[in-house]
Amino acid sequence: MDTIQHLKDEYTYEYNVTKKFFNLFPAGKDDYAPHEKSMKLLRLVTHIAEIFGWPAFILHTDGLDFTDPYERDTIENREDLLASLEKNYLASMESLDKATEKDLEPSWSLKNQGQVIVSWSKYGAMRHGLNQITHHRAQLGVYYRLLDIKVHASYGPSADEQNF
């Protein structure tokens, strides 16, 4: 089995679906949240775009400590959002193109102030990233539905699909 090709195929599928969602990102709704405990819309889509860069980051590090400084892309509009998604996706595809199956085996950890929260193999961390994309894009679909924005299909037809 070619694990790297499978990862690339999955990230590519998710990238294409996510790009459809991002193409509908509404101007003027950056601070929208359906609940006070919910992420603001702009923060949510920024996070989704960042996740597409995780394979590249994971392959070149042994973990992430939440207390380390982290530079986010500046996203002010739909064009910035799509550019961030594209940049992160392409960086990960390039890193996966250069990776070997052996590169997926080492341990990778999330930490807070040096304390390990969770560890996976690098492969497991990338699979977790795919799960995060699915989870957060589903949240985005709820935001869009509440804002009366049509929702694209992810894995099967959506109620709005015939209207696209």
N, C-alpha and C. Protein backbone atom coordinates (compact mmCIF):
# COMPACT_ATOMS: atom_id res chain seq x y z
N MET A 1 0.85 -1.18 0.00
CA MET A 1 0.00 0.00 0.00
C MET A 1 0.89 1.25 0.00
N ASP A 2 0.54 2.23 -0.78
CA ASP A 2 1.28 3.49 -0.84
C ASP A 2 0.58 4.50 0.07
N THR A 3 0.99 4.52 1.32
CA THR A 3 0.34 5.37 2.33
C THR A 3 0.43 6.84 1.95
N ILE A 4 1.57 7.25 1.44
CA ILE A 4 1.74 8.66 1.09
C ILE A 4 0.77 9.06 -0.01
N GLN A 5 0.62 8.22 -1.01
CA GLN A 5 -0.32 8.54 -2.09
C GLN A 5 -1.75 8.59 -1.56
N HIS A 6 -2.08 7.71 -0.64
CA HIS A 6 -3.42 7.75 -0.04
C HIS A 6 -3.64 9.06 0.71
N LEU A 7 -2.64 9.49 1.48
CA LEU A 7 -2.75 10.77 2.19
C LEU A 7 -2.92 11.92 1.21
N LYS A 8 -2.11 11.93 0.16
CA LYS A 8 -2.22 12.99 -0.85
C LYS A 8 -3.60 12.99 -1.49
N ASP A 9 -4.11 11.81 -1.79
CA ASP A 9 -5.45 11.72 -2.40
C ASP A 9 -6.52 12.26 -1.46
N GLU A 10 -6.43 11.90 -0.18
CA GLU A 10 -7.43 12.38 0.78
C GLU A 10 -7.35 13.89 0.98
N TYR A 11 -6.12 14.41 1.15
CA TYR A 11 -5.97 15.86 1.32
C TYR A 11 -6.43 16.60 0.06
N THR A 12 -6.19 16.04 -1.11
CA THR A 12 -6.63 16.67 -2.35
C THR A 12 -8.15 16.70 -2.44
N TYR A 13 -8.79 15.60 -2.08
CA TYR A 13 -10.25 15.58 -2.08
C TYR A 13 -10.79 16.65 -1.13
N GLU A 14 -10.26 16.67 0.09
CA GLU A 14 -10.72 17.64 1.10
C GLU A 14 -10.43 19.07 0.66
N TYR A 15 -9.30 19.29 0.01
CA TYR A 15 -8.94 20.61 -0.51
C TYR A 15 -9.99 21.06 -1.53
N ASN A 16 -10.34 20.20 -2.46
CA ASN A 16 -11.30 20.57 -3.50
C ASN A 16 -12.68 20.88 -2.92
N VAL A 17 -13.12 20.10 -1.95
CA VAL A 17 -14.42 20.38 -1.32
C VAL A 17 -14.34 21.67 -0.51
N THR A 18 -13.27 21.84 0.25
CA THR A 18 -13.12 23.04 1.08
C THR A 18 -13.05 24.30 0.23
N LYS A 19 -12.38 24.21 -0.91
CA LYS A 19 -12.29 25.37 -1.80
C LYS A 19 -13.69 25.81 -2.26
N LYS A 20 -14.59 24.85 -2.51
CA LYS A 20 -15.97 25.19 -2.87
C LYS A 20 -16.65 25.96 -1.73
N PHE A 21 -16.44 25.50 -0.50
CA PHE A 21 -17.01 26.19 0.66
C PHE A 21 -16.43 27.60 0.79
N PHE A 22 -15.10 27.70 0.65
CA PHE A 22 -14.45 29.00 0.81
C PHE A 22 -14.85 29.99 -0.29
N ASN A 23 -15.18 29.49 -1.47
CA ASN A 23 -15.63 30.37 -2.54
C ASN A 23 -16.94 31.07 -2.19
N LEU A 24 -17.65 30.57 -1.20
CA LEU A 24 -18.91 31.18 -0.75
C LEU A 24 -18.74 32.03 0.50
N PHE A 25 -17.49 32.21 0.97
CA PHE A 25 -17.25 32.96 2.21
C PHE A 25 -17.85 34.36 2.09
N PRO A 26 -18.73 34.71 3.03
CA PRO A 26 -19.47 35.98 2.91
C PRO A 26 -18.68 37.19 3.43
N ALA A 27 -18.67 38.24 2.65
CA ALA A 27 -18.07 39.49 3.10
C ALA A 27 -18.90 40.08 4.23
N GLY A 28 -18.23 40.69 5.19
CA GLY A 28 -18.93 41.38 6.27
C GLY A 28 -19.43 40.50 7.39
N LYS A 29 -19.08 39.21 7.38
CA LYS A 29 -19.57 38.29 8.42
C LYS A 29 -18.44 37.69 9.25
N ASP A 30 -17.27 38.32 9.23
CA ASP A 30 -16.09 37.78 9.92
C ASP A 30 -16.34 37.46 11.39
N ASP A 31 -17.09 38.30 12.07
CA ASP A 31 -17.33 38.14 13.50
C ASP A 31 -18.58 37.34 13.83
N TYR A 32 -19.21 36.77 12.82
CA TYR A 32 -20.42 35.98 13.07
C TYR A 32 -20.07 34.69 13.83
N ALA A 33 -20.87 34.37 14.81
CA ALA A 33 -20.79 33.09 15.52
C ALA A 33 -22.22 32.73 15.94
N PRO A 34 -22.60 31.47 15.79
CA PRO A 34 -23.97 31.08 16.13
C PRO A 34 -24.24 31.04 17.63
N HIS A 35 -23.19 31.09 18.42
CA HIS A 35 -23.33 31.02 19.87
C HIS A 35 -22.13 31.71 20.49
N GLU A 36 -22.28 32.24 21.69
CA GLU A 36 -21.18 32.95 22.34
C GLU A 36 -19.96 32.05 22.57
N LYS A 37 -20.15 30.74 22.67
CA LYS A 37 -19.03 29.82 22.87
C LYS A 37 -18.42 29.34 21.55
N SER A 38 -19.03 29.72 20.44
CA SER A 38 -18.56 29.30 19.13
C SER A 38 -17.44 30.20 18.63
N MET A 39 -16.57 29.64 17.80
CA MET A 39 -15.53 30.41 17.13
C MET A 39 -16.19 31.41 16.19
N LYS A 40 -15.58 32.55 16.03
CA LYS A 40 -16.03 33.51 15.03
C LYS A 40 -15.76 32.92 13.64
N LEU A 41 -16.57 33.29 12.68
CA LEU A 41 -16.48 32.72 11.33
C LEU A 41 -15.09 32.88 10.72
N LEU A 42 -14.49 34.05 10.81
CA LEU A 42 -13.17 34.25 10.21
C LEU A 42 -12.12 33.37 10.88
N ARG A 43 -12.19 33.24 12.19
CA ARG A 43 -11.23 32.38 12.90
C ARG A 43 -11.42 30.92 12.48
N LEU A 44 -12.66 30.49 12.31
CA LEU A 44 -12.95 29.11 11.91
C LEU A 44 -12.36 28.80 10.53
N VAL A 45 -12.61 29.67 9.55
CA VAL A 45 -12.09 29.38 8.21
C VAL A 45 -10.58 29.51 8.16
N THR A 46 -10.01 30.43 8.95
CA THR A 46 -8.55 30.55 9.02
C THR A 46 -7.96 29.25 9.55
N HIS A 47 -8.57 28.69 10.57
CA HIS A 47 -8.10 27.43 11.15
C HIS A 47 -8.19 26.29 10.13
N ILE A 48 -9.29 26.22 9.41
CA ILE A 48 -9.44 25.17 8.40
C ILE A 48 -8.32 25.30 7.36
N ALA A 49 -8.08 26.51 6.88
CA ALA A 49 -7.01 26.72 5.89
C ALA A 49 -5.65 26.30 6.46
N GLU A 50 -5.40 26.60 7.73
CA GLU A 50 -4.13 26.23 8.37
C GLU A 50 -3.93 24.72 8.41
N ILE A 51 -4.99 23.99 8.65
CA ILE A 51 -4.87 22.54 8.78
C ILE A 51 -4.29 21.92 7.51
N PHE A 52 -4.55 22.52 6.37
CA PHE A 52 -4.01 21.98 5.12
C PHE A 52 -2.48 22.07 5.09
N GLY A 53 -1.89 22.88 5.93
CA GLY A 53 -0.44 22.95 6.04
C GLY A 53 0.15 22.00 7.06
N TRP A 54 -0.68 21.31 7.81
CA TRP A 54 -0.18 20.42 8.86
C TRP A 54 0.75 19.32 8.36
N PRO A 55 0.44 18.63 7.25
CA PRO A 55 1.38 17.59 6.83
C PRO A 55 2.81 18.10 6.65
N ALA A 56 2.97 19.27 6.05
CA ALA A 56 4.31 19.84 5.89
C ALA A 56 4.93 20.11 7.25
N PHE A 57 4.17 20.71 8.16
CA PHE A 57 4.69 21.02 9.49
C PHE A 57 5.03 19.74 10.25
N ILE A 58 4.16 18.78 10.19
CA ILE A 58 4.36 17.51 10.91
C ILE A 58 5.61 16.79 10.41
N LEU A 59 5.79 16.76 9.10
CA LEU A 59 6.94 16.05 8.54
C LEU A 59 8.27 16.69 8.93
N HIS A 60 8.28 17.98 9.24
CA HIS A 60 9.53 18.68 9.53
C HIS A 60 9.75 18.98 11.01
N THR A 61 8.87 18.49 11.88
CA THR A 61 9.00 18.73 13.31
C THR A 61 8.70 17.45 14.09
N ASP A 62 8.95 17.49 15.40
CA ASP A 62 8.58 16.35 16.23
C ASP A 62 7.38 16.66 17.12
N GLY A 63 6.81 17.86 16.93
CA GLY A 63 5.63 18.21 17.72
C GLY A 63 5.37 19.70 17.71
N LEU A 64 4.34 20.07 18.44
CA LEU A 64 3.94 21.47 18.57
C LEU A 64 3.61 21.72 20.03
N ASP A 65 4.19 22.78 20.57
CA ASP A 65 3.85 23.23 21.92
C ASP A 65 2.97 24.46 21.77
N PHE A 66 1.79 24.43 22.35
CA PHE A 66 0.85 25.53 22.21
C PHE A 66 1.39 26.85 22.74
N THR A 67 2.42 26.81 23.59
CA THR A 67 2.98 28.05 24.12
C THR A 67 4.04 28.65 23.20
N ASP A 68 4.45 27.94 22.15
CA ASP A 68 5.40 28.49 21.19
C ASP A 68 4.71 29.53 20.32
N PRO A 69 5.44 30.57 19.91
CA PRO A 69 4.83 31.57 19.03
C PRO A 69 4.41 30.93 17.71
N TYR A 70 3.30 31.41 17.19
CA TYR A 70 2.77 30.85 15.95
C TYR A 70 2.30 32.00 15.08
N GLU A 71 2.78 32.06 13.86
CA GLU A 71 2.41 33.14 12.94
C GLU A 71 1.31 32.65 12.01
N ARG A 72 0.18 33.33 12.05
CA ARG A 72 -0.95 32.99 11.19
C ARG A 72 -0.95 33.87 9.96
N ASP A 73 -1.52 33.36 8.88
CA ASP A 73 -1.72 34.18 7.69
C ASP A 73 -2.73 35.29 8.03
N THR A 74 -2.52 36.45 7.45
CA THR A 74 -3.49 37.54 7.60
C THR A 74 -4.57 37.35 6.55
N ILE A 75 -5.78 37.19 7.03
CA ILE A 75 -6.90 36.96 6.12
C ILE A 75 -7.93 38.06 6.35
N GLU A 76 -8.14 38.84 5.30
CA GLU A 76 -9.08 39.96 5.40
C GLU A 76 -10.28 39.81 4.46
N ASN A 77 -10.19 38.83 3.54
CA ASN A 77 -11.28 38.67 2.58
C ASN A 77 -11.20 37.28 1.95
N ARG A 78 -12.15 36.99 1.09
CA ARG A 78 -12.23 35.68 0.44
C ARG A 78 -10.95 35.36 -0.34
N GLU A 79 -10.39 36.35 -1.02
CA GLU A 79 -9.18 36.12 -1.81
C GLU A 79 -8.01 35.70 -0.92
N ASP A 80 -7.85 36.36 0.23
CA ASP A 80 -6.80 35.99 1.18
C ASP A 80 -7.02 34.57 1.70
N LEU A 81 -8.28 34.25 1.97
CA LEU A 81 -8.62 32.92 2.48
C LEU A 81 -8.26 31.85 1.46
N LEU A 82 -8.64 32.06 0.22
CA LEU A 82 -8.32 31.09 -0.83
C LEU A 82 -6.81 30.99 -1.06
N ALA A 83 -6.11 32.10 -0.96
CA ALA A 83 -4.65 32.08 -1.12
C ALA A 83 -3.99 31.30 0.01
N SER A 84 -4.48 31.47 1.23
CA SER A 84 -3.94 30.73 2.37
C SER A 84 -4.17 29.23 2.21
N LEU A 85 -5.38 28.87 1.83
CA LEU A 85 -5.70 27.47 1.59
C LEU A 85 -4.76 26.88 0.54
N GLU A 86 -4.60 27.56 -0.56
CA GLU A 86 -3.75 27.09 -1.66
C GLU A 86 -2.29 26.94 -1.21
N LYS A 87 -1.78 27.96 -0.54
CA LYS A 87 -0.38 27.94 -0.07
C LYS A 87 -0.14 26.75 0.85
N ASN A 88 -1.03 26.56 1.81
CA ASN A 88 -0.85 25.47 2.77
C ASN A 88 -0.99 24.11 2.12
N TYR A 89 -1.96 23.97 1.25
CA TYR A 89 -2.16 22.71 0.54
C TYR A 89 -0.92 22.37 -0.31
N LEU A 90 -0.44 23.34 -1.08
CA LEU A 90 0.71 23.07 -1.95
C LEU A 90 1.97 22.76 -1.14
N ALA A 91 2.17 23.42 -0.01
CA ALA A 91 3.32 23.12 0.85
C ALA A 91 3.26 21.68 1.35
N SER A 92 2.08 21.24 1.72
CA SER A 92 1.93 19.87 2.20
C SER A 92 2.11 18.86 1.08
N MET A 93 1.58 19.15 -0.09
CA MET A 93 1.76 18.22 -1.22
C MET A 93 3.24 18.10 -1.58
N GLU A 94 3.96 19.22 -1.57
CA GLU A 94 5.39 19.20 -1.85
C GLU A 94 6.14 18.37 -0.81
N SER A 95 5.81 18.55 0.45
CA SER A 95 6.46 17.79 1.53
C SER A 95 6.13 16.30 1.42
N LEU A 96 4.89 15.98 1.12
CA LEU A 96 4.52 14.58 0.96
C LEU A 96 5.19 13.96 -0.26
N ASP A 97 5.38 14.75 -1.33
CA ASP A 97 6.08 14.25 -2.52
C ASP A 97 7.51 13.83 -2.19
N LYS A 98 8.12 14.52 -1.24
CA LYS A 98 9.52 14.25 -0.86
C LYS A 98 9.64 13.22 0.26
N ALA A 99 8.53 12.87 0.87
CA ALA A 99 8.54 11.96 2.03
C ALA A 99 8.61 10.50 1.61
N THR A 100 9.07 9.68 2.55
CA THR A 100 9.06 8.23 2.38
C THR A 100 8.12 7.64 3.42
N GLU A 101 7.77 6.40 3.22
CA GLU A 101 6.92 5.71 4.20
C GLU A 101 7.57 5.77 5.59
N LYS A 102 8.88 5.65 5.63
CA LYS A 102 9.61 5.67 6.91
C LYS A 102 9.44 7.02 7.62
N ASP A 103 9.28 8.10 6.85
CA ASP A 103 9.10 9.43 7.44
C ASP A 103 7.78 9.56 8.20
N LEU A 104 6.85 8.65 7.96
CA LEU A 104 5.54 8.71 8.62
C LEU A 104 5.54 8.00 9.98
N GLU A 105 6.62 7.28 10.29
CA GLU A 105 6.66 6.44 11.49
C GLU A 105 7.02 7.16 12.79
N PRO A 106 7.91 8.16 12.80
CA PRO A 106 8.30 8.76 14.09
C PRO A 106 7.12 9.34 14.85
N SER A 107 7.32 9.45 16.15
CA SER A 107 6.30 10.02 17.02
C SER A 107 6.22 11.53 16.83
N TRP A 108 5.01 12.05 16.97
CA TRP A 108 4.76 13.48 16.88
C TRP A 108 3.79 13.83 18.00
N SER A 109 4.05 14.93 18.74
CA SER A 109 3.26 15.24 19.95
C SER A 109 2.74 16.66 19.96
N LEU A 110 1.57 16.81 20.56
CA LEU A 110 1.04 18.12 20.93
C LEU A 110 1.36 18.30 22.40
N LYS A 111 1.86 19.50 22.73
CA LYS A 111 2.27 19.79 24.11
C LYS A 111 1.71 21.13 24.55
N ASN A 112 1.67 21.31 25.84
CA ASN A 112 1.37 22.61 26.43
C ASN A 112 2.37 22.83 27.55
N GLN A 113 3.20 23.85 27.39
CA GLN A 113 4.28 24.15 28.33
C GLN A 113 5.16 22.92 28.57
N GLY A 114 5.47 22.21 27.51
CA GLY A 114 6.34 21.04 27.58
C GLY A 114 5.64 19.75 27.99
N GLN A 115 4.44 19.84 28.49
CA GLN A 115 3.67 18.67 28.92
C GLN A 115 2.97 18.05 27.71
N VAL A 116 3.23 16.77 27.45
CA VAL A 116 2.62 16.10 26.32
C VAL A 116 1.12 15.91 26.57
N ILE A 117 0.32 16.39 25.63
CA ILE A 117 -1.13 16.23 25.69
C ILE A 117 -1.52 14.95 24.96
N VAL A 118 -0.95 14.76 23.77
CA VAL A 118 -1.25 13.58 22.96
C VAL A 118 -0.09 13.33 22.00
N SER A 119 0.15 12.07 21.71
CA SER A 119 1.18 11.69 20.74
C SER A 119 0.60 10.70 19.74
N TRP A 120 1.05 10.83 18.52
CA TRP A 120 0.70 9.90 17.45
C TRP A 120 1.97 9.63 16.66
N SER A 121 1.91 8.69 15.73
CA SER A 121 2.94 8.63 14.71
C SER A 121 2.69 9.86 13.82
N LYS A 122 3.67 10.22 13.00
CA LYS A 122 3.44 11.34 12.08
C LYS A 122 2.27 11.03 11.15
N TYR A 123 2.14 9.78 10.76
CA TYR A 123 0.99 9.38 9.95
C TYR A 123 -0.30 9.63 10.73
N GLY A 124 -0.33 9.20 11.99
CA GLY A 124 -1.52 9.39 12.83
C GLY A 124 -1.86 10.86 13.02
N ALA A 125 -0.85 11.70 13.15
CA ALA A 125 -1.09 13.14 13.30
C ALA A 125 -1.72 13.72 12.03
N MET A 126 -1.25 13.23 10.87
CA MET A 126 -1.84 13.71 9.60
C MET A 126 -3.28 13.21 9.45
N ARG A 127 -3.54 11.99 9.86
CA ARG A 127 -4.92 11.47 9.82
C ARG A 127 -5.80 12.31 10.75
N HIS A 128 -5.26 12.69 11.91
CA HIS A 128 -6.01 13.55 12.82
C HIS A 128 -6.34 14.87 12.13
N GLY A 129 -5.38 15.40 11.35
CA GLY A 129 -5.63 16.62 10.59
C GLY A 129 -6.79 16.47 9.63
N LEU A 130 -6.85 15.33 8.95
CA LEU A 130 -7.98 15.08 8.04
C LEU A 130 -9.29 15.07 8.81
N ASN A 131 -9.29 14.46 9.99
CA ASN A 131 -10.50 14.46 10.83
C ASN A 131 -10.87 15.88 11.24
N GLN A 132 -9.86 16.70 11.54
CA GLN A 132 -10.13 18.09 11.92
C GLN A 132 -10.75 18.88 10.77
N ILE A 133 -10.26 18.65 9.55
CA ILE A 133 -10.85 19.33 8.39
C ILE A 133 -12.32 18.98 8.29
N THR A 134 -12.64 17.70 8.37
CA THR A 134 -14.03 17.26 8.27
C THR A 134 -14.89 17.88 9.37
N HIS A 135 -14.39 17.84 10.59
CA HIS A 135 -15.12 18.37 11.74
C HIS A 135 -15.40 19.87 11.57
N HIS A 136 -14.36 20.63 11.28
CA HIS A 136 -14.54 22.08 11.20
C HIS A 136 -15.29 22.53 9.95
N ARG A 137 -15.15 21.79 8.85
CA ARG A 137 -15.93 22.15 7.67
C ARG A 137 -17.42 21.88 7.92
N ALA A 138 -17.72 20.85 8.69
CA ALA A 138 -19.12 20.60 9.07
C ALA A 138 -19.65 21.77 9.92
N GLN A 139 -18.81 22.28 10.82
CA GLN A 139 -19.21 23.47 11.58
C GLN A 139 -19.49 24.63 10.63
N LEU A 140 -18.59 24.80 9.65
CA LEU A 140 -18.77 25.88 8.68
C LEU A 140 -20.09 25.72 7.93
N GLY A 141 -20.45 24.50 7.61
CA GLY A 141 -21.73 24.25 6.95
C GLY A 141 -22.90 24.71 7.79
N VAL A 142 -22.82 24.51 9.10
CA VAL A 142 -23.88 24.99 10.00
C VAL A 142 -23.91 26.51 10.00
N TYR A 143 -22.75 27.15 10.09
CA TYR A 143 -22.70 28.62 10.04
C TYR A 143 -23.36 29.11 8.75
N TYR A 144 -22.97 28.49 7.62
CA TYR A 144 -23.53 28.91 6.34
C TYR A 144 -25.04 28.71 6.31
N ARG A 145 -25.51 27.59 6.80
CA ARG A 145 -26.94 27.31 6.81
C ARG A 145 -27.67 28.40 7.61
N LEU A 146 -27.13 28.75 8.78
CA LEU A 146 -27.76 29.77 9.62
C LEU A 146 -27.70 31.16 8.99
N LEU A 147 -26.71 31.38 8.12
CA LEU A 147 -26.60 32.65 7.41
C LEU A 147 -27.34 32.62 6.06
N ASP A 148 -28.05 31.53 5.81
CA ASP A 148 -28.79 31.34 4.56
C ASP A 148 -27.89 31.35 3.34
N ILE A 149 -26.70 30.73 3.50
CA ILE A 149 -25.75 30.53 2.41
C ILE A 149 -25.86 29.06 2.01
N LYS A 150 -25.93 28.81 0.73
CA LYS A 150 -26.05 27.43 0.25
C LYS A 150 -24.85 26.61 0.71
N VAL A 151 -25.11 25.35 1.01
CA VAL A 151 -24.07 24.44 1.52
C VAL A 151 -23.74 23.41 0.45
N HIS A 152 -22.47 23.36 0.09
CA HIS A 152 -21.99 22.36 -0.87
C HIS A 152 -22.00 20.97 -0.26
N ALA A 153 -22.11 19.98 -1.10
CA ALA A 153 -21.98 18.58 -0.68
C ALA A 153 -20.53 18.30 -0.30
N SER A 154 -20.34 17.45 0.71
CA SER A 154 -18.99 17.02 1.08
C SER A 154 -18.76 15.57 0.69
N TYR A 155 -19.69 14.70 1.03
CA TYR A 155 -19.53 13.26 0.79
C TYR A 155 -20.76 12.63 0.15
N GLY A 156 -21.70 13.42 -0.18
CA GLY A 156 -22.95 12.97 -0.79
C GLY A 156 -23.74 14.23 -1.05
N PRO A 157 -24.92 14.11 -1.60
CA PRO A 157 -25.70 15.31 -1.95
C PRO A 157 -26.03 16.16 -0.73
N SER A 158 -26.08 17.46 -0.95
CA SER A 158 -26.59 18.36 0.09
C SER A 158 -27.98 18.81 -0.35
N ALA A 159 -28.70 19.37 0.59
CA ALA A 159 -30.06 19.84 0.26
C ALA A 159 -30.03 20.96 -0.77
N ASP A 160 -28.89 21.66 -0.87
CA ASP A 160 -28.77 22.77 -1.80
C ASP A 160 -28.10 22.41 -3.12
N GLU A 161 -27.62 21.20 -3.21
CA GLU A 161 -26.76 20.82 -4.34
C GLU A 161 -27.38 21.11 -5.71
N GLN A 162 -28.65 20.84 -5.88
CA GLN A 162 -29.27 21.04 -7.19
C GLN A 162 -29.33 22.52 -7.57
N ASN A 163 -29.08 23.42 -6.61
CA ASN A 163 -29.17 24.85 -6.89
C ASN A 163 -27.83 25.49 -7.18
N PHE A 164 -26.78 24.72 -7.27
CA PHE A 164 -25.46 25.29 -7.57
C PHE A 164 -25.22 25.31 -9.04
